[in-house]
């Protein structure tokens, strides 16, 4: 059967960052009959308030847990001392949509740029200035990107993607949802084994 595999993610989700290598291996092995659809999940809403100390501690421990569970995942802990963290990922999600408007290939490229800025370069993608700088580094038209970043249409698109993800019960990130024959099935994430994910997908697709 023809099917769609939805990848529901957030560019500032640390588990999504940890999943990247396995996700890419999975995409290399997927049958060509499966359409890949990327959806932004919108992990944390807009705020200009500094992140609470308890959340800072929790996220740093999450980074350490990911390093233990997914060997080879890199994090630059300088972020926590050189930046003023905010629990706000919607700006980064909107940046992916604004980039996508200049070419669909920029969806994944902007996501990767945000991840590398956040996790490797100790830059804060909750800030517009960082997102606009990343757009310039990707070769995007900066003025157009900046206008799109907070445009009502961009906000509406993010809202629509978040609603679709929730409708498929993709409430944690990353999530994989296989849609075929009018039904949706959650695909369990194995962070280190693309073959196990592919086997599950093949089982679901069997008539």
N, C-alpha and C. Protein backbone atom coordinates (compact mmCIF):
# COMPACT_ATOMS: atom_id res chain seq x y z
N UNK A 1 0.84 -1.19 0.00
CA UNK A 1 0.00 0.00 0.00
C UNK A 1 0.87 1.24 0.00
N UNK A 2 0.36 2.32 -0.58
CA UNK A 2 1.04 3.59 -0.46
C UNK A 2 0.79 4.16 0.93
N UNK A 3 1.77 4.84 1.45
CA UNK A 3 1.64 5.32 2.83
C UNK A 3 2.42 6.61 3.00
N UNK A 4 2.09 7.29 4.10
CA UNK A 4 2.85 8.46 4.53
C UNK A 4 3.45 8.17 5.90
N UNK A 5 4.69 8.59 6.07
CA UNK A 5 5.32 8.51 7.38
C UNK A 5 5.53 9.94 7.86
N UNK A 6 4.79 10.31 8.91
CA UNK A 6 4.92 11.64 9.49
C UNK A 6 6.04 11.63 10.52
N UNK A 7 6.95 12.58 10.38
CA UNK A 7 7.99 12.79 11.39
C UNK A 7 7.63 14.07 12.13
N UNK A 8 7.20 13.92 13.38
CA UNK A 8 6.75 15.06 14.18
C UNK A 8 7.88 15.43 15.14
N UNK A 9 8.35 16.67 15.03
CA UNK A 9 9.58 17.03 15.72
C UNK A 9 9.55 18.50 16.14
N UNK A 10 10.57 18.88 16.87
CA UNK A 10 10.80 20.28 17.22
C UNK A 10 12.30 20.52 17.09
N UNK A 11 12.70 21.60 16.42
CA UNK A 11 14.14 21.82 16.20
C UNK A 11 14.92 22.05 17.50
N UNK A 12 14.22 22.38 18.60
CA UNK A 12 14.91 22.57 19.87
C UNK A 12 14.59 21.43 20.86
N UNK A 13 14.16 20.30 20.34
CA UNK A 13 13.95 19.11 21.16
C UNK A 13 15.24 18.30 21.19
N UNK A 14 15.77 18.09 22.38
CA UNK A 14 17.07 17.42 22.49
C UNK A 14 17.00 15.94 22.09
N UNK A 15 15.84 15.31 22.32
CA UNK A 15 15.71 13.92 21.88
C UNK A 15 15.66 13.82 20.35
N UNK A 16 15.10 14.83 19.69
CA UNK A 16 15.13 14.88 18.22
C UNK A 16 16.57 14.98 17.72
N UNK A 17 17.37 15.78 18.40
CA UNK A 17 18.79 15.90 18.07
C UNK A 17 19.47 14.54 18.22
N UNK A 18 19.17 13.85 19.31
CA UNK A 18 19.77 12.54 19.52
C UNK A 18 19.35 11.52 18.47
N UNK A 19 18.16 11.68 17.91
CA UNK A 19 17.61 10.73 16.95
C UNK A 19 18.13 10.94 15.54
N UNK A 20 18.84 12.03 15.29
CA UNK A 20 19.17 12.43 13.91
C UNK A 20 19.89 11.35 13.12
N UNK A 21 20.92 10.75 13.67
CA UNK A 21 21.68 9.76 12.88
C UNK A 21 20.83 8.55 12.54
N UNK A 22 20.04 8.07 13.50
CA UNK A 22 19.19 6.93 13.25
C UNK A 22 18.08 7.29 12.27
N UNK A 23 17.54 8.49 12.39
CA UNK A 23 16.50 8.93 11.45
C UNK A 23 17.02 8.92 10.03
N UNK A 24 18.23 9.41 9.83
CA UNK A 24 18.80 9.44 8.48
C UNK A 24 19.02 8.03 7.94
N UNK A 25 19.47 7.13 8.80
CA UNK A 25 19.64 5.74 8.36
C UNK A 25 18.30 5.13 7.99
N UNK A 26 17.26 5.45 8.74
CA UNK A 26 15.92 4.95 8.42
C UNK A 26 15.46 5.45 7.06
N UNK A 27 15.66 6.74 6.79
CA UNK A 27 15.21 7.29 5.51
C UNK A 27 15.91 6.62 4.34
N UNK A 28 17.17 6.22 4.53
CA UNK A 28 17.92 5.55 3.46
C UNK A 28 17.33 4.18 3.13
N UNK A 29 16.66 3.56 4.12
CA UNK A 29 16.17 2.20 3.96
C UNK A 29 14.69 2.12 3.62
N UNK A 30 13.97 3.22 3.78
CA UNK A 30 12.52 3.20 3.57
C UNK A 30 12.17 2.92 2.10
N UNK A 31 11.12 2.16 1.84
CA UNK A 31 10.67 1.97 0.46
C UNK A 31 10.26 3.30 -0.16
N UNK A 32 10.46 3.41 -1.45
CA UNK A 32 10.16 4.67 -2.15
C UNK A 32 8.66 4.95 -2.18
N UNK A 33 7.83 3.94 -1.89
CA UNK A 33 6.38 4.12 -1.91
C UNK A 33 5.89 4.89 -0.69
N UNK A 34 6.76 5.09 0.30
CA UNK A 34 6.37 5.80 1.51
C UNK A 34 6.76 7.27 1.38
N UNK A 35 5.77 8.14 1.47
CA UNK A 35 6.01 9.58 1.43
C UNK A 35 6.38 10.08 2.83
N UNK A 36 7.44 10.87 2.91
CA UNK A 36 7.87 11.43 4.18
C UNK A 36 7.26 12.82 4.34
N UNK A 37 6.61 13.06 5.46
CA UNK A 37 6.02 14.36 5.76
C UNK A 37 6.58 14.83 7.10
N UNK A 38 7.19 16.02 7.10
CA UNK A 38 7.74 16.59 8.31
C UNK A 38 6.70 17.54 8.94
N UNK A 39 6.48 17.38 10.23
CA UNK A 39 5.55 18.23 10.95
C UNK A 39 6.24 18.81 12.17
N UNK A 40 6.00 20.09 12.42
CA UNK A 40 6.55 20.75 13.60
C UNK A 40 5.59 20.56 14.77
N UNK A 41 6.14 20.13 15.89
CA UNK A 41 5.30 19.81 17.03
C UNK A 41 5.05 20.95 17.98
N UNK A 42 5.95 21.94 18.01
CA UNK A 42 5.75 23.08 18.89
C UNK A 42 5.86 22.71 20.36
N UNK A 43 7.08 22.44 20.79
CA UNK A 43 7.31 21.93 22.14
C UNK A 43 6.96 22.93 23.24
N UNK A 44 7.38 24.19 23.09
CA UNK A 44 7.20 25.17 24.17
C UNK A 44 6.80 26.52 23.58
N UNK A 45 5.72 27.14 24.11
CA UNK A 45 5.19 28.38 23.53
C UNK A 45 6.09 29.59 23.76
N UNK A 46 5.71 30.69 23.13
CA UNK A 46 6.49 31.92 23.21
C UNK A 46 6.57 32.45 24.65
N UNK A 47 7.75 32.89 25.02
CA UNK A 47 7.94 33.61 26.27
C UNK A 47 9.25 34.38 26.18
N UNK A 48 9.30 35.51 26.87
CA UNK A 48 10.56 36.27 26.95
C UNK A 48 11.18 36.13 28.33
N UNK A 49 10.57 35.30 29.19
CA UNK A 49 11.08 35.13 30.54
C UNK A 49 12.26 34.17 30.56
N UNK A 50 13.27 34.46 31.37
CA UNK A 50 14.38 33.51 31.53
C UNK A 50 13.86 32.17 32.05
N UNK A 51 14.52 31.12 31.65
CA UNK A 51 14.11 29.78 32.07
C UNK A 51 14.31 29.61 33.58
N UNK A 52 13.37 28.97 34.21
CA UNK A 52 13.45 28.73 35.64
C UNK A 52 14.64 27.82 35.96
N UNK A 53 15.29 28.03 37.10
CA UNK A 53 16.44 27.19 37.47
C UNK A 53 16.11 25.69 37.45
N UNK A 54 14.91 25.32 37.89
CA UNK A 54 14.54 23.91 37.91
C UNK A 54 14.52 23.33 36.49
N UNK A 55 14.00 24.11 35.52
CA UNK A 55 13.97 23.64 34.14
C UNK A 55 15.38 23.58 33.56
N UNK A 56 16.21 24.56 33.89
CA UNK A 56 17.61 24.52 33.43
C UNK A 56 18.29 23.24 33.91
N UNK A 57 18.11 22.90 35.17
CA UNK A 57 18.72 21.68 35.72
C UNK A 57 18.16 20.44 35.05
N UNK A 58 16.84 20.44 34.83
CA UNK A 58 16.19 19.28 34.20
C UNK A 58 16.71 19.06 32.79
N UNK A 59 16.83 20.12 32.00
CA UNK A 59 17.29 19.97 30.62
C UNK A 59 18.75 19.57 30.54
N UNK A 60 19.57 20.10 31.42
CA UNK A 60 20.98 19.67 31.43
C UNK A 60 21.09 18.19 31.77
N UNK A 61 20.28 17.74 32.70
CA UNK A 61 20.29 16.31 33.02
C UNK A 61 19.76 15.49 31.85
N UNK A 62 18.77 16.03 31.12
CA UNK A 62 18.28 15.35 29.93
C UNK A 62 19.39 15.19 28.90
N UNK A 63 20.19 16.24 28.70
CA UNK A 63 21.32 16.14 27.77
C UNK A 63 22.26 15.02 28.19
N UNK A 64 22.54 14.92 29.48
CA UNK A 64 23.45 13.87 29.97
C UNK A 64 22.83 12.48 29.76
N UNK A 65 21.53 12.38 30.00
CA UNK A 65 20.85 11.10 29.79
C UNK A 65 20.92 10.69 28.33
N UNK A 66 20.72 11.64 27.42
CA UNK A 66 20.79 11.33 25.98
C UNK A 66 22.19 10.88 25.61
N UNK A 67 23.21 11.51 26.14
CA UNK A 67 24.58 11.10 25.85
C UNK A 67 24.83 9.66 26.29
N UNK A 68 24.19 9.25 27.39
CA UNK A 68 24.35 7.89 27.88
C UNK A 68 23.57 6.89 27.04
N UNK A 69 22.34 7.26 26.65
CA UNK A 69 21.47 6.34 25.92
C UNK A 69 21.78 6.30 24.43
N UNK A 70 22.29 7.40 23.89
CA UNK A 70 22.58 7.48 22.44
C UNK A 70 24.04 7.87 22.30
N UNK A 71 24.95 6.90 22.37
CA UNK A 71 26.39 7.21 22.32
C UNK A 71 26.76 8.02 21.08
N UNK A 72 27.63 9.00 21.27
CA UNK A 72 28.09 9.83 20.16
C UNK A 72 27.32 11.12 19.99
N UNK A 73 26.24 11.30 20.75
CA UNK A 73 25.47 12.54 20.67
C UNK A 73 26.24 13.65 21.40
N UNK A 74 26.48 14.75 20.72
CA UNK A 74 27.28 15.84 21.29
C UNK A 74 26.39 16.97 21.79
N UNK A 75 26.80 17.55 22.92
CA UNK A 75 26.17 18.75 23.46
C UNK A 75 27.28 19.68 23.96
N UNK A 76 27.09 20.96 23.74
CA UNK A 76 28.01 21.97 24.25
C UNK A 76 27.35 22.62 25.46
N UNK A 77 27.79 22.23 26.65
CA UNK A 77 27.17 22.72 27.87
C UNK A 77 27.51 24.18 28.16
N UNK A 78 28.38 24.79 27.34
CA UNK A 78 28.64 26.22 27.48
C UNK A 78 27.37 27.03 27.27
N UNK A 79 26.40 26.45 26.56
CA UNK A 79 25.14 27.17 26.32
C UNK A 79 24.56 27.69 27.63
N UNK A 80 24.65 26.91 28.68
CA UNK A 80 23.98 27.23 29.94
C UNK A 80 24.66 28.35 30.71
N UNK A 81 25.87 28.70 30.32
CA UNK A 81 26.55 29.81 30.99
C UNK A 81 26.75 31.02 30.09
N UNK A 82 26.74 30.82 28.78
CA UNK A 82 26.97 31.95 27.86
C UNK A 82 25.67 32.55 27.34
N UNK A 83 24.55 31.83 27.45
CA UNK A 83 23.26 32.31 26.96
C UNK A 83 22.29 32.50 28.13
N UNK A 84 21.21 33.19 27.84
CA UNK A 84 20.10 33.30 28.79
C UNK A 84 18.98 32.41 28.26
N UNK A 85 18.91 31.17 28.73
CA UNK A 85 17.92 30.24 28.17
C UNK A 85 16.49 30.69 28.43
N UNK A 86 15.62 30.40 27.46
CA UNK A 86 14.18 30.63 27.58
C UNK A 86 13.48 29.33 27.19
N UNK A 87 12.43 29.01 27.87
CA UNK A 87 11.67 27.80 27.51
C UNK A 87 10.69 28.18 26.41
N UNK A 88 11.23 28.38 25.21
CA UNK A 88 10.44 28.88 24.09
C UNK A 88 10.99 28.31 22.80
N UNK A 89 10.23 27.40 22.16
CA UNK A 89 10.69 26.79 20.91
C UNK A 89 9.84 27.20 19.71
N UNK A 90 8.72 27.86 19.95
CA UNK A 90 7.88 28.24 18.81
C UNK A 90 8.58 29.18 17.84
N UNK A 91 9.41 30.13 18.29
CA UNK A 91 10.14 30.94 17.31
C UNK A 91 10.99 30.09 16.37
N UNK A 92 11.66 29.08 16.91
CA UNK A 92 12.48 28.20 16.06
C UNK A 92 11.61 27.41 15.09
N UNK A 93 10.43 26.98 15.56
CA UNK A 93 9.50 26.28 14.66
C UNK A 93 9.05 27.19 13.52
N UNK A 94 8.71 28.43 13.87
CA UNK A 94 8.30 29.38 12.83
C UNK A 94 9.45 29.67 11.87
N UNK A 95 10.68 29.64 12.38
CA UNK A 95 11.84 29.87 11.50
C UNK A 95 11.95 28.78 10.45
N UNK A 96 11.63 27.55 10.82
CA UNK A 96 11.65 26.46 9.84
C UNK A 96 10.59 26.70 8.76
N UNK A 97 9.42 27.15 9.17
CA UNK A 97 8.36 27.44 8.19
C UNK A 97 8.76 28.61 7.30
N UNK A 98 9.32 29.65 7.90
CA UNK A 98 9.75 30.82 7.11
C UNK A 98 10.84 30.43 6.12
N UNK A 99 11.74 29.55 6.52
CA UNK A 99 12.79 29.08 5.61
C UNK A 99 12.19 28.24 4.50
N UNK A 100 11.27 27.37 4.85
CA UNK A 100 10.61 26.49 3.88
C UNK A 100 9.94 27.29 2.77
N UNK A 101 9.48 28.49 3.08
CA UNK A 101 8.81 29.32 2.10
C UNK A 101 9.75 29.79 0.99
N UNK A 102 11.06 29.64 1.21
CA UNK A 102 12.03 29.98 0.17
C UNK A 102 12.59 28.74 -0.52
N UNK A 103 11.95 27.60 -0.30
CA UNK A 103 12.36 26.34 -0.92
C UNK A 103 12.19 25.21 0.06
N UNK A 104 11.52 24.14 -0.33
CA UNK A 104 11.19 23.08 0.63
C UNK A 104 12.43 22.42 1.21
N UNK A 105 13.56 22.49 0.48
CA UNK A 105 14.78 21.90 1.00
C UNK A 105 15.27 22.61 2.25
N UNK A 106 14.82 23.86 2.44
CA UNK A 106 15.27 24.63 3.60
C UNK A 106 14.57 24.21 4.90
N UNK A 107 13.53 23.41 4.80
CA UNK A 107 12.90 22.89 6.01
C UNK A 107 13.94 22.11 6.83
N UNK A 108 14.52 21.11 6.20
CA UNK A 108 15.50 20.29 6.92
C UNK A 108 16.80 21.05 7.16
N UNK A 109 17.19 21.91 6.24
CA UNK A 109 18.45 22.64 6.42
C UNK A 109 18.35 23.64 7.57
N UNK A 110 17.22 24.32 7.71
CA UNK A 110 17.07 25.25 8.83
C UNK A 110 16.98 24.48 10.15
N UNK A 111 16.26 23.38 10.14
CA UNK A 111 16.19 22.55 11.35
C UNK A 111 17.59 22.17 11.80
N UNK A 112 18.41 21.72 10.87
CA UNK A 112 19.78 21.31 11.22
C UNK A 112 20.60 22.50 11.71
N UNK A 113 20.43 23.65 11.07
CA UNK A 113 21.18 24.84 11.49
C UNK A 113 20.79 25.24 12.92
N UNK A 114 19.51 25.17 13.24
CA UNK A 114 19.06 25.50 14.59
C UNK A 114 19.63 24.50 15.59
N UNK A 115 19.59 23.23 15.26
CA UNK A 115 20.14 22.22 16.15
C UNK A 115 21.63 22.43 16.41
N UNK A 116 22.37 22.69 15.37
CA UNK A 116 23.82 22.88 15.54
C UNK A 116 24.11 24.15 16.33
N UNK A 117 23.33 25.20 16.09
CA UNK A 117 23.52 26.44 16.84
C UNK A 117 23.27 26.19 18.32
N UNK A 118 22.21 25.50 18.63
CA UNK A 118 21.79 25.27 20.01
C UNK A 118 22.72 24.29 20.72
N UNK A 119 22.92 23.13 20.11
CA UNK A 119 23.59 22.04 20.81
C UNK A 119 25.11 22.04 20.68
N UNK A 120 25.64 22.66 19.63
CA UNK A 120 27.09 22.61 19.41
C UNK A 120 27.76 23.97 19.54
N UNK A 121 27.04 25.05 19.18
CA UNK A 121 27.68 26.36 19.10
C UNK A 121 27.31 27.29 20.26
N UNK A 122 26.50 26.83 21.19
CA UNK A 122 26.08 27.63 22.35
C UNK A 122 25.46 28.97 21.91
N UNK A 123 24.56 28.89 20.91
CA UNK A 123 23.78 30.04 20.47
C UNK A 123 22.31 29.76 20.80
N UNK A 124 21.54 30.82 21.02
CA UNK A 124 20.18 30.64 21.53
C UNK A 124 19.14 30.83 20.43
N UNK A 125 18.56 29.74 19.89
CA UNK A 125 17.57 29.87 18.83
C UNK A 125 16.21 30.34 19.30
N UNK A 126 16.05 30.64 20.59
CA UNK A 126 14.82 31.29 21.04
C UNK A 126 14.81 32.77 20.70
N UNK A 127 15.97 33.28 20.26
CA UNK A 127 16.11 34.71 19.97
C UNK A 127 16.02 34.95 18.46
N UNK A 128 15.23 35.94 18.08
CA UNK A 128 15.06 36.27 16.65
C UNK A 128 16.39 36.57 15.98
N UNK A 129 17.27 37.27 16.68
CA UNK A 129 18.54 37.67 16.07
C UNK A 129 19.35 36.45 15.64
N UNK A 130 19.32 35.40 16.45
CA UNK A 130 20.04 34.17 16.11
C UNK A 130 19.39 33.50 14.90
N UNK A 131 18.08 33.44 14.88
CA UNK A 131 17.38 32.80 13.77
C UNK A 131 17.61 33.55 12.45
N UNK A 132 17.59 34.86 12.51
CA UNK A 132 17.83 35.67 11.31
C UNK A 132 19.26 35.49 10.83
N UNK A 133 20.20 35.42 11.77
CA UNK A 133 21.59 35.17 11.39
C UNK A 133 21.74 33.81 10.73
N UNK A 134 21.08 32.79 11.26
CA UNK A 134 21.15 31.46 10.66
C UNK A 134 20.57 31.47 9.24
N UNK A 135 19.49 32.21 9.04
CA UNK A 135 18.91 32.32 7.69
C UNK A 135 19.93 32.89 6.72
N UNK A 136 20.65 33.93 7.15
CA UNK A 136 21.68 34.51 6.30
C UNK A 136 22.80 33.52 6.01
N UNK A 137 23.18 32.74 7.02
CA UNK A 137 24.25 31.76 6.83
C UNK A 137 23.84 30.65 5.87
N UNK A 138 22.54 30.39 5.78
CA UNK A 138 22.04 29.38 4.84
C UNK A 138 21.86 29.94 3.43
N UNK A 139 22.06 31.25 3.26
CA UNK A 139 21.89 31.86 1.96
C UNK A 139 20.47 32.28 1.66
N UNK A 140 19.61 32.30 2.68
CA UNK A 140 18.24 32.76 2.47
C UNK A 140 18.19 34.27 2.33
N UNK A 141 17.13 34.76 1.72
CA UNK A 141 16.91 36.20 1.62
C UNK A 141 16.47 36.71 3.00
N UNK A 142 17.37 37.42 3.67
CA UNK A 142 17.15 37.74 5.08
C UNK A 142 15.92 38.61 5.31
N UNK A 143 15.73 39.61 4.46
CA UNK A 143 14.58 40.48 4.64
C UNK A 143 13.26 39.73 4.52
N UNK A 144 13.17 38.89 3.53
CA UNK A 144 11.96 38.08 3.35
C UNK A 144 11.76 37.14 4.53
N UNK A 145 12.86 36.52 4.98
CA UNK A 145 12.78 35.61 6.12
C UNK A 145 12.30 36.35 7.38
N UNK A 146 12.88 37.50 7.63
CA UNK A 146 12.53 38.25 8.83
C UNK A 146 11.05 38.64 8.81
N UNK A 147 10.54 39.03 7.64
CA UNK A 147 9.13 39.37 7.52
C UNK A 147 8.25 38.16 7.78
N UNK A 148 8.68 37.01 7.28
CA UNK A 148 7.88 35.79 7.42
C UNK A 148 7.90 35.23 8.83
N UNK A 149 8.95 35.52 9.58
CA UNK A 149 9.17 34.85 10.86
C UNK A 149 7.97 34.99 11.80
N UNK A 150 7.39 36.19 11.85
CA UNK A 150 6.25 36.41 12.75
C UNK A 150 4.97 36.77 12.01
N UNK A 151 4.94 36.51 10.71
CA UNK A 151 3.76 36.83 9.92
C UNK A 151 2.57 35.98 10.37
N UNK A 152 1.36 36.55 10.32
CA UNK A 152 0.18 35.77 10.70
C UNK A 152 0.07 34.44 9.95
N UNK A 153 0.44 34.43 8.68
CA UNK A 153 0.34 33.20 7.90
C UNK A 153 1.28 32.13 8.44
N UNK A 154 2.46 32.56 8.88
CA UNK A 154 3.42 31.61 9.44
C UNK A 154 2.91 31.05 10.75
N UNK A 155 2.37 31.91 11.58
CA UNK A 155 1.79 31.46 12.85
C UNK A 155 0.64 30.47 12.60
N UNK A 156 -0.17 30.76 11.59
CA UNK A 156 -1.30 29.89 11.28
C UNK A 156 -0.81 28.51 10.81
N UNK A 157 0.25 28.49 10.01
CA UNK A 157 0.79 27.22 9.55
C UNK A 157 1.32 26.39 10.71
N UNK A 158 2.01 27.04 11.64
CA UNK A 158 2.51 26.31 12.80
C UNK A 158 1.34 25.76 13.62
N UNK A 159 0.33 26.58 13.83
CA UNK A 159 -0.85 26.11 14.57
C UNK A 159 -1.47 24.88 13.90
N UNK A 160 -1.55 24.92 12.57
CA UNK A 160 -2.15 23.81 11.83
C UNK A 160 -1.32 22.53 11.97
N UNK A 161 0.00 22.67 11.92
CA UNK A 161 0.85 21.49 12.06
C UNK A 161 0.77 20.91 13.47
N UNK A 162 0.71 21.78 14.47
CA UNK A 162 0.59 21.30 15.84
C UNK A 162 -0.74 20.57 16.04
N UNK A 163 -1.82 21.12 15.47
CA UNK A 163 -3.13 20.47 15.59
C UNK A 163 -3.14 19.10 14.93
N UNK A 164 -2.51 19.01 13.75
CA UNK A 164 -2.46 17.73 13.05
C UNK A 164 -1.68 16.70 13.86
N UNK A 165 -0.56 17.13 14.43
CA UNK A 165 0.21 16.21 15.26
C UNK A 165 -0.60 15.71 16.44
N UNK A 166 -1.31 16.62 17.10
CA UNK A 166 -2.13 16.21 18.26
C UNK A 166 -3.25 15.28 17.82
N UNK A 167 -3.83 15.54 16.64
CA UNK A 167 -4.91 14.69 16.15
C UNK A 167 -4.43 13.26 15.91
N UNK A 168 -3.14 13.10 15.62
CA UNK A 168 -2.56 11.76 15.41
C UNK A 168 -1.96 11.21 16.70
N UNK A 169 -2.21 11.90 17.83
CA UNK A 169 -1.68 11.51 19.15
C UNK A 169 -0.16 11.54 19.20
N UNK A 170 0.43 12.39 18.37
CA UNK A 170 1.88 12.59 18.40
C UNK A 170 2.18 13.72 19.37
N UNK A 171 2.16 13.41 20.65
CA UNK A 171 2.28 14.43 21.69
C UNK A 171 3.66 14.46 22.33
N UNK A 172 4.55 13.56 21.93
CA UNK A 172 5.94 13.61 22.39
C UNK A 172 6.83 13.68 21.16
N UNK A 173 8.02 14.20 21.34
CA UNK A 173 8.91 14.42 20.19
C UNK A 173 10.26 13.76 20.45
N UNK A 174 10.80 13.09 19.42
CA UNK A 174 10.21 12.89 18.09
C UNK A 174 9.12 11.83 18.12
N UNK A 175 8.21 11.91 17.16
CA UNK A 175 7.20 10.88 16.95
C UNK A 175 7.20 10.49 15.48
N UNK A 176 6.92 9.23 15.23
CA UNK A 176 6.72 8.72 13.88
C UNK A 176 5.31 8.15 13.81
N UNK A 177 4.56 8.58 12.79
CA UNK A 177 3.19 8.11 12.60
C UNK A 177 3.05 7.65 11.16
N UNK A 178 2.65 6.40 10.99
CA UNK A 178 2.46 5.84 9.65
C UNK A 178 0.98 5.91 9.30
N UNK A 179 0.68 6.54 8.17
CA UNK A 179 -0.70 6.67 7.70
C UNK A 179 -0.86 5.88 6.41
N UNK A 180 -1.87 5.03 6.39
CA UNK A 180 -2.16 4.25 5.20
C UNK A 180 -3.55 3.67 5.28
N UNK A 181 -4.25 3.62 4.16
CA UNK A 181 -5.62 3.09 4.11
C UNK A 181 -6.53 3.78 5.12
N UNK A 182 -6.31 5.08 5.31
CA UNK A 182 -7.19 5.86 6.17
C UNK A 182 -6.96 5.69 7.65
N UNK A 183 -5.92 4.96 8.03
CA UNK A 183 -5.64 4.74 9.45
C UNK A 183 -4.23 5.23 9.78
N UNK A 184 -4.05 5.65 11.03
CA UNK A 184 -2.74 6.11 11.51
C UNK A 184 -2.24 5.17 12.59
N UNK A 185 -0.95 4.84 12.53
CA UNK A 185 -0.34 3.95 13.52
C UNK A 185 0.92 4.61 14.07
N UNK A 186 1.04 4.66 15.38
CA UNK A 186 2.26 5.14 16.00
C UNK A 186 3.37 4.12 15.77
N UNK A 187 4.55 4.60 15.40
CA UNK A 187 5.71 3.74 15.21
C UNK A 187 6.68 4.02 16.35
N UNK A 188 6.94 3.04 17.21
CA UNK A 188 7.85 3.27 18.33
C UNK A 188 9.24 3.72 17.86
N UNK A 189 9.82 4.65 18.60
CA UNK A 189 11.14 5.18 18.28
C UNK A 189 12.21 4.31 18.95
N UNK A 190 13.14 3.81 18.15
CA UNK A 190 14.35 3.19 18.69
C UNK A 190 15.49 4.13 18.32
N UNK A 191 16.09 4.75 19.31
CA UNK A 191 17.03 5.83 19.05
C UNK A 191 18.36 5.35 18.46
N UNK A 192 18.63 4.07 18.50
CA UNK A 192 19.92 3.58 18.01
C UNK A 192 19.78 2.49 16.95
N UNK A 193 18.56 2.13 16.57
CA UNK A 193 18.38 0.98 15.68
C UNK A 193 17.34 1.28 14.61
N UNK A 194 17.82 1.75 13.46
CA UNK A 194 16.91 2.06 12.35
C UNK A 194 16.24 0.80 11.82
N UNK A 195 16.94 -0.33 11.86
CA UNK A 195 16.38 -1.58 11.34
C UNK A 195 15.15 -2.00 12.12
N UNK A 196 15.16 -1.78 13.42
CA UNK A 196 14.00 -2.15 14.24
C UNK A 196 12.79 -1.29 13.88
N UNK A 197 13.02 0.00 13.63
CA UNK A 197 11.91 0.87 13.22
C UNK A 197 11.37 0.43 11.87
N UNK A 198 12.27 0.14 10.94
CA UNK A 198 11.85 -0.29 9.60
C UNK A 198 11.05 -1.59 9.67
N UNK A 199 11.45 -2.49 10.53
CA UNK A 199 10.71 -3.77 10.67
C UNK A 199 9.28 -3.50 11.15
N UNK A 200 9.14 -2.59 12.09
CA UNK A 200 7.80 -2.25 12.57
C UNK A 200 6.96 -1.66 11.45
N UNK A 201 7.54 -0.77 10.67
CA UNK A 201 6.81 -0.15 9.56
C UNK A 201 6.38 -1.19 8.56
N UNK A 202 7.27 -2.12 8.24
CA UNK A 202 6.93 -3.17 7.27
C UNK A 202 5.82 -4.07 7.78
N UNK A 203 5.82 -4.34 9.10
CA UNK A 203 4.75 -5.16 9.68
C UNK A 203 3.39 -4.45 9.58
N UNK A 204 3.40 -3.16 9.85
CA UNK A 204 2.15 -2.39 9.77
C UNK A 204 1.63 -2.35 8.34
N UNK A 205 2.54 -2.29 7.38
CA UNK A 205 2.14 -2.15 5.98
C UNK A 205 1.72 -3.47 5.36
N UNK A 206 1.98 -4.59 5.99
CA UNK A 206 1.61 -5.88 5.42
C UNK A 206 0.10 -5.99 5.33
N UNK A 207 -0.42 -6.49 4.21
CA UNK A 207 -1.88 -6.61 4.04
C UNK A 207 -2.47 -7.67 4.97
